């Protein structure tokens, strides 16, 4: 184990669920507004997972009001991310689901286990 791995291991989270592309997740994020902190929830489908170690990140896509797609990328080990909860397990055959950006409505659905 080199020096970088030793330093990074202190900041790695261990209480994360196993999730992959196609899974529906609920991410709770800590938001600071002026002098108040609150928890905001972002729920959607994981369309990609990138990186490794402390730099591991994942992108979540949800359809907001008026059929507007919203994507957010989170660092898994960030102190802003309070918790990650897997809601559903999707059945997909790709690791990157960027094709969902072009689809709307029922065509954007993913089969659930």
PDB file of N, CA and C in Angstrom:
ATOM      1  N   UNK A   1       0.852  -1.178   0.000  1.00  0.00           N
ATOM      2  CA  UNK A   1       0.000   0.000   0.000  1.00  0.00           C
ATOM      3  C   UNK A   1       0.899   1.243   0.000  1.00  0.00           C
ATOM      4  N   UNK A   2       0.710   2.090  -0.995  1.00  0.00           N
ATOM      5  CA  UNK A   2       1.551   3.286  -1.063  1.00  0.00           C
ATOM      6  C   UNK A   2       0.980   4.398  -0.180  1.00  0.00           C
ATOM      7  N   UNK A   3       1.665   5.509  -0.125  1.00  0.00           N
ATOM      8  CA  UNK A   3       1.293   6.596   0.778  1.00  0.00           C
ATOM      9  C   UNK A   3      -0.051   7.211   0.422  1.00  0.00           C
ATOM     10  N   UNK A   4      -0.339   7.314  -0.871  1.00  0.00           N
ATOM     11  CA  UNK A   4      -1.612   7.911  -1.294  1.00  0.00           C
ATOM     12  C   UNK A   4      -2.782   7.056  -0.829  1.00  0.00           C
ATOM     13  N   UNK A   5      -2.663   5.744  -0.959  1.00  0.00           N
ATOM     14  CA  UNK A   5      -3.739   4.854  -0.506  1.00  0.00           C
ATOM     15  C   UNK A   5      -3.962   4.954   0.998  1.00  0.00           C
ATOM     16  N   UNK A   6      -2.907   5.122   1.762  1.00  0.00           N
ATOM     17  CA  UNK A   6      -3.052   5.266   3.213  1.00  0.00           C
ATOM     18  C   UNK A   6      -3.826   6.521   3.580  1.00  0.00           C
ATOM     19  N   UNK A   7      -3.520   7.625   2.904  1.00  0.00           N
ATOM     20  CA  UNK A   7      -4.202   8.884   3.190  1.00  0.00           C
ATOM     21  C   UNK A   7      -5.660   8.802   2.751  1.00  0.00           C
ATOM     22  N   UNK A   8      -5.903   8.232   1.564  1.00  0.00           N
ATOM     23  CA  UNK A   8      -7.262   8.134   1.043  1.00  0.00           C
ATOM     24  C   UNK A   8      -8.137   7.196   1.870  1.00  0.00           C
ATOM     25  N   UNK A   9      -7.580   6.148   2.418  1.00  0.00           N
ATOM     26  CA  UNK A   9      -8.382   5.160   3.146  1.00  0.00           C
ATOM     27  C   UNK A   9      -9.063   5.764   4.368  1.00  0.00           C
ATOM     28  N   UNK A  10      -8.524   6.848   4.902  1.00  0.00           N
ATOM     29  CA  UNK A  10      -9.133   7.503   6.044  1.00  0.00           C
ATOM     30  C   UNK A  10     -10.469   8.151   5.673  1.00  0.00           C
ATOM     31  N   UNK A  11     -10.627   8.569   4.413  1.00  0.00           N
ATOM     32  CA  UNK A  11     -11.807   9.300   3.982  1.00  0.00           C
ATOM     33  C   UNK A  11     -12.831   8.449   3.243  1.00  0.00           C
ATOM     34  N   UNK A  12     -12.544   7.179   3.006  1.00  0.00           N
ATOM     35  CA  UNK A  12     -13.479   6.308   2.301  1.00  0.00           C
ATOM     36  C   UNK A  12     -14.647   5.934   3.200  1.00  0.00           C
ATOM     37  N   UNK A  13     -15.863   5.965   2.644  1.00  0.00           N
ATOM     38  CA  UNK A  13     -17.050   5.563   3.395  1.00  0.00           C
ATOM     39  C   UNK A  13     -17.210   4.055   3.297  1.00  0.00           C
ATOM     40  N   UNK A  14     -17.661   3.451   4.388  1.00  0.00           N
ATOM     41  CA  UNK A  14     -17.807   1.990   4.406  1.00  0.00           C
ATOM     42  C   UNK A  14     -19.263   1.548   4.475  1.00  0.00           C
ATOM     43  N   UNK A  15     -20.193   2.461   4.717  1.00  0.00           N
ATOM     44  CA  UNK A  15     -21.593   2.096   4.916  1.00  0.00           C
ATOM     45  C   UNK A  15     -22.434   2.295   3.652  1.00  0.00           C
ATOM     46  N   UNK A  16     -21.843   2.109   2.479  1.00  0.00           N
ATOM     47  CA  UNK A  16     -22.541   2.336   1.222  1.00  0.00           C
ATOM     48  C   UNK A  16     -23.190   1.054   0.717  1.00  0.00           C
ATOM     49  N   UNK A  17     -24.385   1.155   0.126  1.00  0.00           N
ATOM     50  CA  UNK A  17     -25.011  -0.036  -0.445  1.00  0.00           C
ATOM     51  C   UNK A  17     -24.367  -0.377  -1.790  1.00  0.00           C
ATOM     52  N   UNK A  18     -24.515  -1.618  -2.208  1.00  0.00           N
ATOM     53  CA  UNK A  18     -24.045  -2.010  -3.532  1.00  0.00           C
ATOM     54  C   UNK A  18     -25.089  -1.586  -4.544  1.00  0.00           C
ATOM     55  N   UNK A  19     -24.706  -0.722  -5.465  1.00  0.00           N
ATOM     56  CA  UNK A  19     -25.617  -0.328  -6.532  1.00  0.00           C
ATOM     57  C   UNK A  19     -24.825  -0.249  -7.825  1.00  0.00           C
ATOM     58  N   UNK A  20     -25.549  -0.337  -8.939  1.00  0.00           N
ATOM     59  CA  UNK A  20     -24.923  -0.319 -10.251  1.00  0.00           C
ATOM     60  C   UNK A  20     -25.777   0.515 -11.191  1.00  0.00           C
ATOM     61  N   UNK A  21     -25.360   0.643 -12.417  1.00  0.00           N
ATOM     62  CA  UNK A  21     -26.126   1.388 -13.409  1.00  0.00           C
ATOM     63  C   UNK A  21     -27.483   0.731 -13.615  1.00  0.00           C
ATOM     64  N   UNK A  22     -28.519   1.545 -13.707  1.00  0.00           N
ATOM     65  CA  UNK A  22     -29.867   1.038 -13.886  1.00  0.00           C
ATOM     66  C   UNK A  22     -30.655   0.958 -12.593  1.00  0.00           C
ATOM     67  N   UNK A  23     -29.988   1.044 -11.452  1.00  0.00           N
ATOM     68  CA  UNK A  23     -30.677   0.997 -10.168  1.00  0.00           C
ATOM     69  C   UNK A  23     -31.284   2.361  -9.853  1.00  0.00           C
ATOM     70  N   UNK A  24     -32.412   2.334  -9.177  1.00  0.00           N
ATOM     71  CA  UNK A  24     -33.029   3.575  -8.711  1.00  0.00           C
ATOM     72  C   UNK A  24     -32.519   3.820  -7.298  1.00  0.00           C
ATOM     73  N   UNK A  25     -31.940   5.000  -7.067  1.00  0.00           N
ATOM     74  CA  UNK A  25     -31.366   5.317  -5.760  1.00  0.00           C
ATOM     75  C   UNK A  25     -31.964   6.603  -5.221  1.00  0.00           C
ATOM     76  N   UNK A  26     -31.899   6.730  -3.902  1.00  0.00           N
ATOM     77  CA  UNK A  26     -32.315   7.936  -3.198  1.00  0.00           C
ATOM     78  C   UNK A  26     -31.077   8.468  -2.480  1.00  0.00           C
ATOM     79  N   UNK A  27     -30.626   9.645  -2.897  1.00  0.00           N
ATOM     80  CA  UNK A  27     -29.420  10.248  -2.332  1.00  0.00           C
ATOM     81  C   UNK A  27     -29.838  11.414  -1.445  1.00  0.00           C
ATOM     82  N   UNK A  28     -29.374  11.412  -0.205  1.00  0.00           N
ATOM     83  CA  UNK A  28     -29.657  12.514   0.718  1.00  0.00           C
ATOM     84  C   UNK A  28     -28.418  13.390   0.809  1.00  0.00           C
ATOM     85  N   UNK A  29     -28.621  14.690   0.527  1.00  0.00           N
ATOM     86  CA  UNK A  29     -27.528  15.642   0.444  1.00  0.00           C
ATOM     87  C   UNK A  29     -27.712  16.721   1.503  1.00  0.00           C
ATOM     88  N   UNK A  30     -26.609  17.123   2.134  1.00  0.00           N
ATOM     89  CA  UNK A  30     -26.664  18.201   3.113  1.00  0.00           C
ATOM     90  C   UNK A  30     -26.474  19.523   2.379  1.00  0.00           C
ATOM     91  N   UNK A  31     -27.428  20.445   2.567  1.00  0.00           N
ATOM     92  CA  UNK A  31     -27.393  21.747   1.907  1.00  0.00           C
ATOM     93  C   UNK A  31     -27.293  22.818   2.983  1.00  0.00           C
ATOM     94  N   UNK A  32     -26.339  23.725   2.815  1.00  0.00           N
ATOM     95  CA  UNK A  32     -26.161  24.832   3.755  1.00  0.00           C
ATOM     96  C   UNK A  32     -26.723  26.095   3.135  1.00  0.00           C
ATOM     97  N   UNK A  33     -27.718  26.681   3.795  1.00  0.00           N
ATOM     98  CA  UNK A  33     -28.301  27.942   3.354  1.00  0.00           C
ATOM     99  C   UNK A  33     -28.148  28.948   4.482  1.00  0.00           C
ATOM    100  N   UNK A  34     -27.391  29.993   4.227  1.00  0.00           N
ATOM    101  CA  UNK A  34     -27.058  31.012   5.210  1.00  0.00           C
ATOM    102  C   UNK A  34     -26.500  30.353   6.467  1.00  0.00           C
ATOM    103  N   UNK A  35     -27.267  30.297   7.558  1.00  0.00           N
ATOM    104  CA  UNK A  35     -26.754  29.680   8.779  1.00  0.00           C
ATOM    105  C   UNK A  35     -27.501  28.405   9.132  1.00  0.00           C
ATOM    106  N   UNK A  36     -28.261  27.863   8.182  1.00  0.00           N
ATOM    107  CA  UNK A  36     -29.033  26.644   8.445  1.00  0.00           C
ATOM    108  C   UNK A  36     -28.546  25.508   7.560  1.00  0.00           C
ATOM    109  N   UNK A  37     -28.604  24.299   8.092  1.00  0.00           N
ATOM    110  CA  UNK A  37     -28.317  23.093   7.320  1.00  0.00           C
ATOM    111  C   UNK A  37     -29.595  22.291   7.190  1.00  0.00           C
ATOM    112  N   UNK A  38     -29.807  21.718   6.008  1.00  0.00           N
ATOM    113  CA  UNK A  38     -30.968  20.860   5.819  1.00  0.00           C
ATOM    114  C   UNK A  38     -30.584  19.725   4.896  1.00  0.00           C
ATOM    115  N   UNK A  39     -31.415  18.689   4.895  1.00  0.00           N
ATOM    116  CA  UNK A  39     -31.183  17.510   4.060  1.00  0.00           C
ATOM    117  C   UNK A  39     -32.153  17.559   2.886  1.00  0.00           C
ATOM    118  N   UNK A  40     -31.612  17.417   1.669  1.00  0.00           N
ATOM    119  CA  UNK A  40     -32.436  17.373   0.466  1.00  0.00           C
ATOM    120  C   UNK A  40     -32.288  16.005  -0.179  1.00  0.00           C
ATOM    121  N   UNK A  41     -33.382  15.476  -0.695  1.00  0.00           N
ATOM    122  CA  UNK A  41     -33.383  14.153  -1.304  1.00  0.00           C
ATOM    123  C   UNK A  41     -33.429  14.277  -2.817  1.00  0.00           C
ATOM    124  N   UNK A  42     -32.611  13.479  -3.495  1.00  0.00           N
ATOM    125  CA  UNK A  42     -32.605  13.423  -4.959  1.00  0.00           C
ATOM    126  C   UNK A  42     -32.757  11.962  -5.333  1.00  0.00           C
ATOM    127  N   UNK A  43     -33.860  11.630  -5.999  1.00  0.00           N
ATOM    128  CA  UNK A  43     -34.149  10.233  -6.335  1.00  0.00           C
ATOM    129  C   UNK A  43     -34.213  10.074  -7.839  1.00  0.00           C
ATOM    130  N   UNK A  44     -33.497   9.081  -8.369  1.00  0.00           N
ATOM    131  CA  UNK A  44     -33.492   8.844  -9.803  1.00  0.00           C
ATOM    132  C   UNK A  44     -32.731   7.583 -10.153  1.00  0.00           C
ATOM    133  N   UNK A  45     -32.480   7.412 -11.443  1.00  0.00           N
ATOM    134  CA  UNK A  45     -31.813   6.215 -11.964  1.00  0.00           C
ATOM    135  C   UNK A  45     -30.333   6.515 -12.148  1.00  0.00           C
ATOM    136  N   UNK A  46     -29.487   5.597 -11.714  1.00  0.00           N
ATOM    137  CA  UNK A  46     -28.045   5.737 -11.898  1.00  0.00           C
ATOM    138  C   UNK A  46     -27.739   5.451 -13.365  1.00  0.00           C
ATOM    139  N   UNK A  47     -27.166   6.448 -14.068  1.00  0.00           N
ATOM    140  CA  UNK A  47     -26.860   6.224 -15.482  1.00  0.00           C
ATOM    141  C   UNK A  47     -25.377   5.975 -15.724  1.00  0.00           C
ATOM    142  N   UNK A  48     -24.513   6.278 -14.750  1.00  0.00           N
ATOM    143  CA  UNK A  48     -23.100   5.950 -14.919  1.00  0.00           C
ATOM    144  C   UNK A  48     -22.387   5.964 -13.575  1.00  0.00           C
ATOM    145  N   UNK A  49     -21.326   5.168 -13.509  1.00  0.00           N
ATOM    146  CA  UNK A  49     -20.425   5.148 -12.360  1.00  0.00           C
ATOM    147  C   UNK A  49     -19.012   5.268 -12.919  1.00  0.00           C
ATOM    148  N   UNK A  50     -18.244   6.217 -12.402  1.00  0.00           N
ATOM    149  CA  UNK A  50     -16.905   6.479 -12.925  1.00  0.00           C
ATOM    150  C   UNK A  50     -15.898   6.522 -11.787  1.00  0.00           C
ATOM    151  N   UNK A  51     -14.644   6.268 -12.109  1.00  0.00           N
ATOM    152  CA  UNK A  51     -13.559   6.444 -11.171  1.00  0.00           C
ATOM    153  C   UNK A  51     -13.386   5.276 -10.217  1.00  0.00           C
ATOM    154  N   UNK A  52     -12.458   5.460  -9.279  1.00  0.00           N
ATOM    155  CA  UNK A  52     -12.201   4.441  -8.264  1.00  0.00           C
ATOM    156  C   UNK A  52     -11.620   5.117  -7.036  1.00  0.00           C
ATOM    157  N   UNK A  53     -11.672   4.404  -5.935  1.00  0.00           N
ATOM    158  CA  UNK A  53     -11.125   4.934  -4.689  1.00  0.00           C
ATOM    159  C   UNK A  53     -11.872   6.160  -4.200  1.00  0.00           C
ATOM    160  N   UNK A  54     -11.144   7.167  -3.817  1.00  0.00           N
ATOM    161  CA  UNK A  54     -11.762   8.374  -3.274  1.00  0.00           C
ATOM    162  C   UNK A  54     -12.394   9.226  -4.380  1.00  0.00           C
ATOM    163  N   UNK A  55     -12.010   8.995  -5.629  1.00  0.00           N
ATOM    164  CA  UNK A  55     -12.526   9.771  -6.751  1.00  0.00           C
ATOM    165  C   UNK A  55     -13.724   9.113  -7.431  1.00  0.00           C
ATOM    166  N   UNK A  56     -14.314   8.120  -6.834  1.00  0.00           N
ATOM    167  CA  UNK A  56     -15.442   7.421  -7.444  1.00  0.00           C
ATOM    168  C   UNK A  56     -16.670   8.330  -7.440  1.00  0.00           C
ATOM    169  N   UNK A  57     -17.326   8.415  -8.598  1.00  0.00           N
ATOM    170  CA  UNK A  57     -18.486   9.287  -8.749  1.00  0.00           C
ATOM    171  C   UNK A  57     -19.581   8.552  -9.508  1.00  0.00           C
ATOM    172  N   UNK A  58     -20.815   8.986  -9.317  1.00  0.00           N
ATOM    173  CA  UNK A  58     -21.928   8.399 -10.043  1.00  0.00           C
ATOM    174  C   UNK A  58     -22.891   9.509 -10.447  1.00  0.00           C
ATOM    175  N   UNK A  59     -23.594   9.281 -11.562  1.00  0.00           N
ATOM    176  CA  UNK A  59     -24.538  10.255 -12.097  1.00  0.00           C
ATOM    177  C   UNK A  59     -25.937   9.705 -11.975  1.00  0.00           C
ATOM    178  N   UNK A  60     -26.848  10.531 -11.446  1.00  0.00           N
ATOM    179  CA  UNK A  60     -28.244  10.133 -11.240  1.00  0.00           C
ATOM    180  C   UNK A  60     -29.114  11.034 -12.111  1.00  0.00           C
ATOM    181  N   UNK A  61     -30.075  10.421 -12.805  1.00  0.00           N
ATOM    182  CA  UNK A  61     -30.991  11.165 -13.671  1.00  0.00           C
ATOM    183  C   UNK A  61     -32.415  10.947 -13.209  1.00  0.00           C
ATOM    184  N   UNK A  62     -33.169  12.042 -13.144  1.00  0.00           N
ATOM    185  CA  UNK A  62     -34.588  11.941 -12.832  1.00  0.00           C
ATOM    186  C   UNK A  62     -35.352  12.839 -13.778  1.00  0.00           C
ATOM    187  N   UNK A  63     -36.630  12.542 -13.956  1.00  0.00           N
ATOM    188  CA  UNK A  63     -37.497  13.372 -14.772  1.00  0.00           C
ATOM    189  C   UNK A  63     -38.270  14.273 -13.818  1.00  0.00           C
ATOM    190  N   UNK A  64     -38.062  15.572 -13.956  1.00  0.00           N
ATOM    191  CA  UNK A  64     -38.705  16.540 -13.090  1.00  0.00           C
ATOM    192  C   UNK A  64     -40.049  16.942 -13.686  1.00  0.00           C
ATOM    193  N   UNK A  65     -40.636  18.001 -13.164  1.00  0.00           N
ATOM    194  CA  UNK A  65     -41.927  18.465 -13.644  1.00  0.00           C
ATOM    195  C   UNK A  65     -41.837  18.885 -15.108  1.00  0.00           C
ATOM    196  N   UNK A  66     -42.944  18.763 -15.811  1.00  0.00           N
ATOM    197  CA  UNK A  66     -43.040  19.122 -17.227  1.00  0.00           C
ATOM    198  C   UNK A  66     -42.072  18.339 -18.106  1.00  0.00           C
ATOM    199  N   UNK A  67     -41.772  17.098 -17.718  1.00  0.00           N
ATOM    200  CA  UNK A  67     -40.902  16.202 -18.493  1.00  0.00           C
ATOM    201  C   UNK A  67     -39.526  16.802 -18.779  1.00  0.00           C
ATOM    202  N   UNK A  68     -38.939  17.441 -17.791  1.00  0.00           N
ATOM    203  CA  UNK A  68     -37.600  17.992 -17.909  1.00  0.00           C
ATOM    204  C   UNK A  68     -36.641  17.041 -17.204  1.00  0.00           C
ATOM    205  N   UNK A  69     -35.623  16.582 -17.909  1.00  0.00           N
ATOM    206  CA  UNK A  69     -34.641  15.683 -17.321  1.00  0.00           C
ATOM    207  C   UNK A  69     -33.612  16.454 -16.517  1.00  0.00           C
ATOM    208  N   UNK A  70     -33.310  15.960 -15.318  1.00  0.00           N
ATOM    209  CA  UNK A  70     -32.327  16.586 -14.439  1.00  0.00           C
ATOM    210  C   UNK A  70     -31.292  15.535 -14.076  1.00  0.00           C
ATOM    211  N   UNK A  71     -30.025  15.864 -14.280  1.00  0.00           N
ATOM    212  CA  UNK A  71     -28.933  14.956 -13.921  1.00  0.00           C
ATOM    213  C   UNK A  71     -28.043  15.624 -12.896  1.00  0.00           C
ATOM    214  N   UNK A  72     -27.577  14.816 -11.950  1.00  0.00           N
ATOM    215  CA  UNK A  72     -26.638  15.305 -10.944  1.00  0.00           C
ATOM    216  C   UNK A  72     -25.546  14.276 -10.756  1.00  0.00           C
ATOM    217  N   UNK A  73     -24.329  14.752 -10.645  1.00  0.00           N
ATOM    218  CA  UNK A  73     -23.191  13.876 -10.408  1.00  0.00           C
ATOM    219  C   UNK A  73     -22.724  14.062  -8.977  1.00  0.00           C
ATOM    220  N   UNK A  74     -22.548  12.951  -8.278  1.00  0.00           N
ATOM    221  CA  UNK A  74     -22.143  12.973  -6.871  1.00  0.00           C
ATOM    222  C   UNK A  74     -20.833  12.213  -6.705  1.00  0.00           C
ATOM    223  N   UNK A  75     -19.964  12.719  -5.852  1.00  0.00           N
ATOM    224  CA  UNK A  75     -18.810  11.956  -5.409  1.00  0.00           C
ATOM    225  C   UNK A  75     -19.276  11.062  -4.269  1.00  0.00           C
ATOM    226  N   UNK A  76     -18.982   9.782  -4.352  1.00  0.00           N
ATOM    227  CA  UNK A  76     -19.494   8.834  -3.356  1.00  0.00           C
ATOM    228  C   UNK A  76     -18.968   9.157  -1.962  1.00  0.00           C
ATOM    229  N   UNK A  77     -17.706   9.538  -1.861  1.00  0.00           N
ATOM    230  CA  UNK A  77     -17.097   9.764  -0.555  1.00  0.00           C
ATOM    231  C   UNK A  77     -17.145  11.212  -0.098  1.00  0.00           C
ATOM    232  N   UNK A  78     -17.961  12.031  -0.737  1.00  0.00           N
ATOM    233  CA  UNK A  78     -18.061  13.436  -0.374  1.00  0.00           C
ATOM    234  C   UNK A  78     -18.753  13.600   0.981  1.00  0.00           C
ATOM    235  N   UNK A  79     -18.319  14.553   1.792  1.00  0.00           N
ATOM    236  CA  UNK A  79     -19.004  14.799   3.068  1.00  0.00           C
ATOM    237  C   UNK A  79     -20.390  15.410   2.872  1.00  0.00           C
ATOM    238  N   UNK A  80     -20.695  15.934   1.685  1.00  0.00           N
ATOM    239  CA  UNK A  80     -22.009  16.509   1.403  1.00  0.00           C
ATOM    240  C   UNK A  80     -23.058  15.401   1.284  1.00  0.00           C
ATOM    241  N   UNK A  81     -22.664  14.237   0.777  1.00  0.00           N
ATOM    242  CA  UNK A  81     -23.590  13.110   0.620  1.00  0.00           C
ATOM    243  C   UNK A  81     -23.768  12.446   1.985  1.00  0.00           C
ATOM    244  N   UNK A  82     -24.983  12.542   2.528  1.00  0.00           N
ATOM    245  CA  UNK A  82     -25.268  11.971   3.839  1.00  0.00           C
ATOM    246  C   UNK A  82     -25.515  10.479   3.757  1.00  0.00           C
ATOM    247  N   UNK A  83     -26.365  10.060   2.811  1.00  0.00           N
ATOM    248  CA  UNK A  83     -26.654   8.635   2.675  1.00  0.00           C
ATOM    249  C   UNK A  83     -27.108   8.326   1.259  1.00  0.00           C
ATOM    250  N   UNK A  84     -26.911   7.078   0.875  1.00  0.00           N
ATOM    251  CA  UNK A  84     -27.363   6.571  -0.419  1.00  0.00           C
ATOM    252  C   UNK A  84     -28.187   5.323  -0.126  1.00  0.00           C
ATOM    253  N   UNK A  85     -29.385   5.283  -0.697  1.00  0.00           N
ATOM    254  CA  UNK A  85     -30.293   4.166  -0.448  1.00  0.00           C
ATOM    255  C   UNK A  85     -30.785   3.629  -1.790  1.00  0.00           C
ATOM    256  N   UNK A  86     -30.638   2.327  -2.009  1.00  0.00           N
ATOM    257  CA  UNK A  86     -31.120   1.724  -3.245  1.00  0.00           C
ATOM    258  C   UNK A  86     -32.595   1.416  -3.103  1.00  0.00           C
ATOM    259  N   UNK A  87     -33.406   1.939  -4.027  1.00  0.00           N
ATOM    260  CA  UNK A  87     -34.852   1.753  -3.988  1.00  0.00           C
ATOM    261  C   UNK A  87     -35.244   0.525  -4.792  1.00  0.00           C
ATOM    262  N   UNK A  88     -34.795   0.461  -6.058  1.00  0.00           N
ATOM    263  CA  UNK A  88     -35.089  -0.658  -6.952  1.00  0.00           C
ATOM    264  C   UNK A  88     -33.817  -1.119  -7.629  1.00  0.00           C
ATOM    265  N   UNK A  89     -33.807  -2.371  -8.046  1.00  0.00           N
ATOM    266  CA  UNK A  89     -32.691  -2.902  -8.813  1.00  0.00           C
ATOM    267  C   UNK A  89     -33.149  -3.064 -10.255  1.00  0.00           C
ATOM    268  N   UNK A  90     -32.491  -2.363 -11.160  1.00  0.00           N
ATOM    269  CA  UNK A  90     -32.873  -2.407 -12.564  1.00  0.00           C
ATOM    270  C   UNK A  90     -32.124  -3.491 -13.317  1.00  0.00           C
ATOM    271  N   UNK A  91     -32.730  -3.952 -14.415  1.00  0.00           N
ATOM    272  CA  UNK A  91     -32.109  -4.947 -15.274  1.00  0.00           C
ATOM    273  C   UNK A  91     -31.653  -4.228 -16.542  1.00  0.00           C
ATOM    274  N   UNK A  92     -30.342  -4.057 -16.699  1.00  0.00           N
ATOM    275  CA  UNK A  92     -29.779  -3.398 -17.870  1.00  0.00           C
ATOM    276  C   UNK A  92     -28.581  -4.201 -18.358  1.00  0.00           C
ATOM    277  N   UNK A  93     -28.204  -3.954 -19.625  1.00  0.00           N
ATOM    278  CA  UNK A  93     -27.080  -4.669 -20.206  1.00  0.00           C
ATOM    279  C   UNK A  93     -25.936  -3.739 -20.568  1.00  0.00           C
ATOM    280  N   UNK A  94     -25.979  -2.521 -20.094  1.00  0.00           N
ATOM    281  CA  UNK A  94     -24.941  -1.527 -20.367  1.00  0.00           C
ATOM    282  C   UNK A  94     -24.446  -0.941 -19.045  1.00  0.00           C
ATOM    283  N   UNK A  95     -23.227  -0.431 -19.062  1.00  0.00           N
ATOM    284  CA  UNK A  95     -22.719   0.223 -17.861  1.00  0.00           C
ATOM    285  C   UNK A  95     -22.985   1.724 -17.889  1.00  0.00           C
ATOM    286  N   UNK A  96     -23.108   2.291 -19.068  1.00  0.00           N
ATOM    287  CA  UNK A  96     -23.433   3.707 -19.216  1.00  0.00           C
ATOM    288  C   UNK A  96     -24.775   3.802 -19.936  1.00  0.00           C
ATOM    289  N   UNK A  97     -25.739   4.448 -19.317  1.00  0.00           N
ATOM    290  CA  UNK A  97     -27.098   4.512 -19.853  1.00  0.00           C
ATOM    291  C   UNK A  97     -27.404   5.892 -20.419  1.00  0.00           C
ATOM    292  N   UNK A  98     -26.480   6.433 -21.211  1.00  0.00           N
ATOM    293  CA  UNK A  98     -26.664   7.764 -21.765  1.00  0.00           C
ATOM    294  C   UNK A  98     -27.795   7.816 -22.780  1.00  0.00           C
ATOM    295  N   UNK A  99     -28.205   6.678 -23.303  1.00  0.00           N
ATOM    296  CA  UNK A  99     -29.298   6.656 -24.275  1.00  0.00           C
ATOM    297  C   UNK A  99     -30.620   7.093 -23.645  1.00  0.00           C
ATOM    298  N   UNK A 100     -30.727   7.082 -22.322  1.00  0.00           N
ATOM    299  CA  UNK A 100     -31.958   7.520 -21.661  1.00  0.00           C
ATOM    300  C   UNK A 100     -32.192   9.024 -21.833  1.00  0.00           C
ATOM    301  N   UNK A 101     -31.144   9.765 -22.154  1.00  0.00           N
ATOM    302  CA  UNK A 101     -31.293  11.210 -22.353  1.00  0.00           C
ATOM    303  C   UNK A 101     -32.185  11.531 -23.545  1.00  0.00           C
ATOM    304  N   UNK A 102     -32.174  10.660 -24.542  1.00  0.00           N
ATOM    305  CA  UNK A 102     -32.954  10.899 -25.763  1.00  0.00           C
ATOM    306  C   UNK A 102     -34.365  10.355 -25.669  1.00  0.00           C
ATOM    307  N   UNK A 103     -34.679   9.644 -24.617  1.00  0.00           N
ATOM    308  CA  UNK A 103     -35.991   9.013 -24.497  1.00  0.00           C
ATOM    309  C   UNK A 103     -36.854   9.738 -23.484  1.00  0.00           C
ATOM    310  N   UNK A 104     -38.166   9.635 -23.697  1.00  0.00           N
ATOM    311  CA  UNK A 104     -39.106  10.290 -22.783  1.00  0.00           C
ATOM    312  C   UNK A 104     -40.289   9.356 -22.553  1.00  0.00           C
ATOM    313  N   UNK A 105     -40.947   9.533 -21.431  1.00  0.00           N
ATOM    314  CA  UNK A 105     -42.154   8.770 -21.137  1.00  0.00           C
ATOM    315  C   UNK A 105     -41.891   7.297 -20.891  1.00  0.00           C
ATOM    316  N   UNK A 106     -42.729   6.454 -21.464  1.00  0.00           N
ATOM    317  CA  UNK A 106     -42.624   5.013 -21.230  1.00  0.00           C
ATOM    318  C   UNK A 106     -41.376   4.403 -21.860  1.00  0.00           C
ATOM    319  N   UNK A 107     -40.830   5.034 -22.872  1.00  0.00           N
ATOM    320  CA  UNK A 107     -39.630   4.501 -23.520  1.00  0.00           C
ATOM    321  C   UNK A 107     -38.398   4.630 -22.632  1.00  0.00           C
ATOM    322  N   UNK A 108     -38.466   5.493 -21.638  1.00  0.00           N
ATOM    323  CA  UNK A 108     -37.314   5.713 -20.748  1.00  0.00           C
ATOM    324  C   UNK A 108     -37.352   4.795 -19.544  1.00  0.00           C
ATOM    325  N   UNK A 109     -38.321   3.892 -19.489  1.00  0.00           N
ATOM    326  CA  UNK A 109     -38.421   2.999 -18.334  1.00  0.00           C
ATOM    327  C   UNK A 109     -37.369   1.899 -18.407  1.00  0.00           C
ATOM    328  N   UNK A 110     -36.995   1.404 -17.242  1.00  0.00           N
ATOM    329  CA  UNK A 110     -36.062   0.290 -17.114  1.00  0.00           C
ATOM    330  C   UNK A 110     -36.770  -0.820 -16.370  1.00  0.00           C
ATOM    331  N   UNK A 111     -36.559  -2.063 -16.820  1.00  0.00           N
ATOM    332  CA  UNK A 111     -37.186  -3.205 -16.161  1.00  0.00           C
ATOM    333  C   UNK A 111     -36.628  -3.337 -14.745  1.00  0.00           C
ATOM    334  N   UNK A 112     -37.504  -3.768 -13.836  1.00  0.00           N
ATOM    335  CA  UNK A 112     -37.146  -3.885 -12.430  1.00  0.00           C
ATOM    336  C   UNK A 112     -37.126  -5.355 -12.038  1.00  0.00           C
ATOM    337  N   UNK A 113     -36.145  -5.743 -11.230  1.00  0.00           N
ATOM    338  CA  UNK A 113     -36.066  -7.119 -10.741  1.00  0.00           C
ATOM    339  C   UNK A 113     -37.151  -7.402  -9.748  1.00  0.00           C
TER     340      UNK A 113
END
